Amino acid sequence: KALSNRYKELNVNGLVSWASNRKTNDKCLEAAEVVSFNSYPGWYGGSVNDIPSTILGEAEFVAQLGKPFIKSEIGAGAIPGWQDPMNGFWTENYQSLVLGAVTKTVVSNSTITAASLPVCPSTQSLCPVDEFSTDHNQDLLYPWSKAIQYIG
């Protein structure tokens, strides 16, 4: 709380926030102006089916605080090019299922301000290169460029 107050005293043009892995147990949320939670449902516990309820539960909790909510970390890793009809961990198949569930949940809920995927999806075999992509680095942004297009 003291750090938050000091930041505000300095008249910095920004909001007080941090990426909390303590989520609903974070004892400092009253000092946040924007609440951001890190969690990886379907990756570090649970399944793809748990993703919507996890995200929506967090969003509901933050809505009760009356603050904007950012899903600051969520996703799944993949080894580029690894395909598996059983959708095993570390495959592009499984990563696609996780990112699909995250995207669908985030874009369909107005209480979620934003989401960030620090684990870049391997899009060479998941998504075709299109007008959003001009080089390999931008290919990594393809799924979210489509989500933004959907939202906007």
C-alpha atoms as a PDB file:
ATOM      1  CA  LYS A   1       0.000   0.000   0.000  1.00  0.00           C
ATOM      2  CA  ALA A   2       2.851   2.400   0.837  1.00  0.00           C
ATOM      3  CA  LEU A   3       4.502   1.751  -2.525  1.00  0.00           C
ATOM      4  CA  SER A   4       1.206   2.363  -4.326  1.00  0.00           C
ATOM      5  CA  ASN A   5       0.700   5.635  -2.465  1.00  0.00           C
ATOM      6  CA  ARG A   6       4.260   6.768  -3.185  1.00  0.00           C
ATOM      7  CA  TYR A   7       3.806   6.002  -6.877  1.00  0.00           C
ATOM      8  CA  LYS A   8       0.658   8.139  -6.950  1.00  0.00           C
ATOM      9  CA  GLU A   9       2.435  10.991  -5.104  1.00  0.00           C
ATOM     10  CA  LEU A  10       5.013  11.124  -7.894  1.00  0.00           C
ATOM     11  CA  ASN A  11       2.229  11.922 -10.394  1.00  0.00           C
ATOM     12  CA  VAL A  12       3.422   9.203 -12.747  1.00  0.00           C
ATOM     13  CA  ASN A  13       1.095   8.750 -15.701  1.00  0.00           C
ATOM     14  CA  GLY A  14       0.194   5.112 -15.136  1.00  0.00           C
ATOM     15  CA  LEU A  15      -1.947   2.749 -13.152  1.00  0.00           C
ATOM     16  CA  VAL A  16      -0.932   0.648 -10.167  1.00  0.00           C
ATOM     17  CA  SER A  17      -0.998  -3.043 -11.029  1.00  0.00           C
ATOM     18  CA  TRP A  18       1.068  -6.216 -10.867  1.00  0.00           C
ATOM     19  CA  ALA A  19       0.692  -9.774 -12.089  1.00  0.00           C
ATOM     20  CA  SER A  20      -0.499 -11.705  -9.056  1.00  0.00           C
ATOM     21  CA  ASN A  21      -0.067 -15.446  -8.793  1.00  0.00           C
ATOM     22  CA  ARG A  22      -1.866 -15.322  -5.421  1.00  0.00           C
ATOM     23  CA  LYS A  23      -5.084 -14.269  -7.169  1.00  0.00           C
ATOM     24  CA  THR A  24      -8.020 -14.177  -4.731  1.00  0.00           C
ATOM     25  CA  ASN A  25      -5.611 -14.667  -1.808  1.00  0.00           C
ATOM     26  CA  ASP A  26      -3.498 -11.604  -2.682  1.00  0.00           C
ATOM     27  CA  LYS A  27      -3.567  -9.398   0.417  1.00  0.00           C
ATOM     28  CA  CYS A  28      -2.646  -6.228  -1.483  1.00  0.00           C
ATOM     29  CA  LEU A  29      -5.421  -6.051  -4.076  1.00  0.00           C
ATOM     30  CA  GLU A  30      -6.953  -2.979  -2.449  1.00  0.00           C
ATOM     31  CA  ALA A  31      -3.870  -1.027  -3.578  1.00  0.00           C
ATOM     32  CA  ALA A  32      -4.252  -2.114  -7.208  1.00  0.00           C
ATOM     33  CA  GLU A  33      -6.085   0.090  -9.680  1.00  0.00           C
ATOM     34  CA  VAL A  34      -6.127  -2.753 -12.224  1.00  0.00           C
ATOM     35  CA  VAL A  35      -6.119  -6.362 -11.026  1.00  0.00           C
ATOM     36  CA  SER A  36      -4.011  -8.840 -13.012  1.00  0.00           C
ATOM     37  CA  PHE A  37      -3.922 -12.581 -12.348  1.00  0.00           C
ATOM     38  CA  ASN A  38      -1.474 -15.214 -13.602  1.00  0.00           C
ATOM     39  CA  SER A  39      -2.776 -18.755 -13.902  1.00  0.00           C
ATOM     40  CA  TYR A  40      -2.473 -21.560 -16.383  1.00  0.00           C
ATOM     41  CA  PRO A  41      -5.599 -23.725 -16.171  1.00  0.00           C
ATOM     42  CA  GLY A  42      -5.281 -26.719 -18.440  1.00  0.00           C
ATOM     43  CA  TRP A  43      -1.502 -26.485 -18.257  1.00  0.00           C
ATOM     44  CA  TYR A  44      -0.485 -26.418 -14.583  1.00  0.00           C
ATOM     45  CA  GLY A  45      -3.503 -28.370 -13.390  1.00  0.00           C
ATOM     46  CA  GLY A  46      -6.975 -29.074 -14.626  1.00  0.00           C
ATOM     47  CA  SER A  47      -7.997 -29.570 -18.223  1.00  0.00           C
ATOM     48  CA  VAL A  48      -9.057 -27.488 -21.206  1.00  0.00           C
ATOM     49  CA  ASN A  49     -12.617 -27.836 -19.908  1.00  0.00           C
ATOM     50  CA  ASP A  50     -11.607 -26.003 -16.697  1.00  0.00           C
ATOM     51  CA  ILE A  51     -10.399 -22.884 -18.520  1.00  0.00           C
ATOM     52  CA  PRO A  52     -13.717 -21.012 -18.841  1.00  0.00           C
ATOM     53  CA  SER A  53     -14.760 -21.593 -15.214  1.00  0.00           C
ATOM     54  CA  THR A  54     -11.320 -20.585 -13.925  1.00  0.00           C
ATOM     55  CA  ILE A  55     -11.196 -17.351 -15.931  1.00  0.00           C
ATOM     56  CA  LEU A  56     -14.827 -16.461 -15.237  1.00  0.00           C
ATOM     57  CA  GLY A  57     -14.412 -17.170 -11.520  1.00  0.00           C
ATOM     58  CA  GLU A  58     -11.432 -14.824 -11.369  1.00  0.00           C
ATOM     59  CA  ALA A  59     -13.313 -12.182 -13.380  1.00  0.00           C
ATOM     60  CA  GLU A  60     -16.311 -12.433 -11.061  1.00  0.00           C
ATOM     61  CA  PHE A  61     -14.110 -12.025  -8.002  1.00  0.00           C
ATOM     62  CA  VAL A  62     -12.428  -8.919  -9.455  1.00  0.00           C
ATOM     63  CA  ALA A  63     -15.780  -7.458 -10.574  1.00  0.00           C
ATOM     64  CA  GLN A  64     -16.855  -7.531  -6.930  1.00  0.00           C
ATOM     65  CA  LEU A  65     -13.833  -5.332  -6.177  1.00  0.00           C
ATOM     66  CA  GLY A  66     -15.066  -2.830  -8.775  1.00  0.00           C
ATOM     67  CA  LYS A  67     -11.747  -2.844 -10.669  1.00  0.00           C
ATOM     68  CA  PRO A  68     -10.702  -3.684 -14.234  1.00  0.00           C
ATOM     69  CA  PHE A  69      -9.373  -7.226 -14.720  1.00  0.00           C
ATOM     70  CA  ILE A  70      -6.491  -8.360 -16.905  1.00  0.00           C
ATOM     71  CA  LYS A  71      -5.693 -12.025 -17.388  1.00  0.00           C
ATOM     72  CA  SER A  72      -1.970 -11.299 -17.309  1.00  0.00           C
ATOM     73  CA  GLU A  73      -0.651 -14.792 -18.036  1.00  0.00           C
ATOM     74  CA  ILE A  74      -2.375 -17.840 -19.432  1.00  0.00           C
ATOM     75  CA  GLY A  75      -1.645 -20.384 -22.125  1.00  0.00           C
ATOM     76  CA  ALA A  76       0.269 -23.563 -22.883  1.00  0.00           C
ATOM     77  CA  GLY A  77       3.617 -24.394 -24.416  1.00  0.00           C
ATOM     78  CA  ALA A  78       4.227 -26.380 -27.571  1.00  0.00           C
ATOM     79  CA  ILE A  79       7.152 -27.800 -29.459  1.00  0.00           C
ATOM     80  CA  PRO A  80       6.928 -26.301 -32.959  1.00  0.00           C
ATOM     81  CA  GLY A  81       5.784 -28.862 -35.465  1.00  0.00           C
ATOM     82  CA  TRP A  82       4.827 -31.568 -32.948  1.00  0.00           C
ATOM     83  CA  GLN A  83       1.397 -32.931 -33.814  1.00  0.00           C
ATOM     84  CA  ASP A  84      -0.443 -35.662 -31.933  1.00  0.00           C
ATOM     85  CA  PRO A  85      -3.958 -36.942 -32.651  1.00  0.00           C
ATOM     86  CA  MET A  86      -4.303 -37.624 -28.903  1.00  0.00           C
ATOM     87  CA  ASN A  87      -3.703 -33.893 -28.174  1.00  0.00           C
ATOM     88  CA  GLY A  88      -0.895 -34.544 -25.694  1.00  0.00           C
ATOM     89  CA  PHE A  89       0.899 -31.856 -23.691  1.00  0.00           C
ATOM     90  CA  TRP A  90       3.587 -29.923 -25.579  1.00  0.00           C
ATOM     91  CA  THR A  91       1.837 -30.561 -28.913  1.00  0.00           C
ATOM     92  CA  GLU A  92       0.549 -27.816 -31.157  1.00  0.00           C
ATOM     93  CA  ASN A  93      -2.801 -29.617 -31.032  1.00  0.00           C
ATOM     94  CA  TYR A  94      -3.116 -29.181 -27.269  1.00  0.00           C
ATOM     95  CA  GLN A  95      -1.809 -25.619 -27.376  1.00  0.00           C
ATOM     96  CA  SER A  96      -4.457 -24.800 -29.976  1.00  0.00           C
ATOM     97  CA  LEU A  97      -7.202 -26.224 -27.746  1.00  0.00           C
ATOM     98  CA  VAL A  98      -5.999 -24.159 -24.776  1.00  0.00           C
ATOM     99  CA  LEU A  99      -5.666 -20.937 -26.787  1.00  0.00           C
ATOM    100  CA  GLY A 100      -9.072 -21.507 -28.351  1.00  0.00           C
ATOM    101  CA  ALA A 101     -10.743 -21.908 -24.951  1.00  0.00           C
ATOM    102  CA  VAL A 102      -8.930 -18.848 -23.580  1.00  0.00           C
ATOM    103  CA  THR A 103      -9.794 -16.675 -26.578  1.00  0.00           C
ATOM    104  CA  LYS A 104     -13.449 -17.713 -26.628  1.00  0.00           C
ATOM    105  CA  THR A 105     -13.808 -17.054 -22.895  1.00  0.00           C
ATOM    106  CA  VAL A 106     -12.000 -13.707 -22.890  1.00  0.00           C
ATOM    107  CA  VAL A 107     -13.709 -12.186 -25.920  1.00  0.00           C
ATOM    108  CA  SER A 108     -17.165 -13.238 -24.748  1.00  0.00           C
ATOM    109  CA  ASN A 109     -16.895 -11.650 -21.287  1.00  0.00           C
ATOM    110  CA  SER A 110     -17.109  -7.885 -20.901  1.00  0.00           C
ATOM    111  CA  THR A 111     -15.673  -7.949 -17.359  1.00  0.00           C
ATOM    112  CA  ILE A 112     -12.271  -9.020 -18.710  1.00  0.00           C
ATOM    113  CA  THR A 113     -10.346  -5.990 -19.932  1.00  0.00           C
ATOM    114  CA  ALA A 114      -7.454  -7.832 -21.590  1.00  0.00           C
ATOM    115  CA  ALA A 115      -5.429 -11.030 -21.679  1.00  0.00           C
ATOM    116  CA  SER A 116      -1.775 -11.763 -22.360  1.00  0.00           C
ATOM    117  CA  LEU A 117      -0.162 -14.945 -23.632  1.00  0.00           C
ATOM    118  CA  PRO A 118       3.521 -15.012 -22.651  1.00  0.00           C
ATOM    119  CA  VAL A 119       3.919 -18.449 -24.211  1.00  0.00           C
ATOM    120  CA  CYS A 120       3.985 -17.669 -27.946  1.00  0.00           C
ATOM    121  CA  PRO A 121       1.953 -20.072 -30.029  1.00  0.00           C
ATOM    122  CA  SER A 122       3.640 -21.977 -32.796  1.00  0.00           C
ATOM    123  CA  THR A 123       1.572 -20.839 -35.726  1.00  0.00           C
ATOM    124  CA  GLN A 124       3.507 -22.299 -38.626  1.00  0.00           C
ATOM    125  CA  SER A 125       1.308 -25.372 -38.663  1.00  0.00           C
ATOM    126  CA  LEU A 126      -1.736 -23.989 -36.799  1.00  0.00           C
ATOM    127  CA  CYS A 127      -2.535 -20.863 -38.770  1.00  0.00           C
ATOM    128  CA  PRO A 128      -1.863 -19.788 -42.332  1.00  0.00           C
ATOM    129  CA  VAL A 129       0.133 -16.648 -42.951  1.00  0.00           C
ATOM    130  CA  ASP A 130      -2.221 -13.875 -44.017  1.00  0.00           C
ATOM    131  CA  GLU A 131      -2.472 -10.115 -44.212  1.00  0.00           C
ATOM    132  CA  PHE A 132      -1.614  -9.793 -40.488  1.00  0.00           C
ATOM    133  CA  SER A 133       1.744 -11.515 -40.928  1.00  0.00           C
ATOM    134  CA  THR A 134       4.769 -10.241 -42.824  1.00  0.00           C
ATOM    135  CA  ASP A 135       7.559 -12.202 -41.143  1.00  0.00           C
ATOM    136  CA  HIS A 136       8.063 -15.070 -38.691  1.00  0.00           C
ATOM    137  CA  ASN A 137       7.909 -12.904 -35.569  1.00  0.00           C
ATOM    138  CA  GLN A 138       4.555 -11.482 -36.549  1.00  0.00           C
ATOM    139  CA  ASP A 139       3.304 -15.007 -37.261  1.00  0.00           C
ATOM    140  CA  LEU A 140       3.460 -15.550 -33.497  1.00  0.00           C
ATOM    141  CA  LEU A 141       0.805 -12.856 -33.059  1.00  0.00           C
ATOM    142  CA  TYR A 142      -1.620 -14.347 -35.552  1.00  0.00           C
ATOM    143  CA  PRO A 143      -4.158 -15.951 -33.170  1.00  0.00           C
ATOM    144  CA  TRP A 144      -4.513 -12.770 -31.110  1.00  0.00           C
ATOM    145  CA  SER A 145      -4.699 -10.557 -34.181  1.00  0.00           C
ATOM    146  CA  LYS A 146      -7.692 -12.647 -35.187  1.00  0.00           C
ATOM    147  CA  ALA A 147      -9.182 -12.335 -31.687  1.00  0.00           C
ATOM    148  CA  ILE A 148      -8.711  -8.558 -31.777  1.00  0.00           C
ATOM    149  CA  GLN A 149     -10.337  -8.454 -35.211  1.00  0.00           C
ATOM    150  CA  TYR A 150     -13.240 -10.456 -33.730  1.00  0.00           C
ATOM    151  CA  ILE A 151     -13.606  -8.066 -30.779  1.00  0.00           C
ATOM    152  CA  GLY A 152     -13.202  -4.873 -32.775  1.00  0.00           C
END
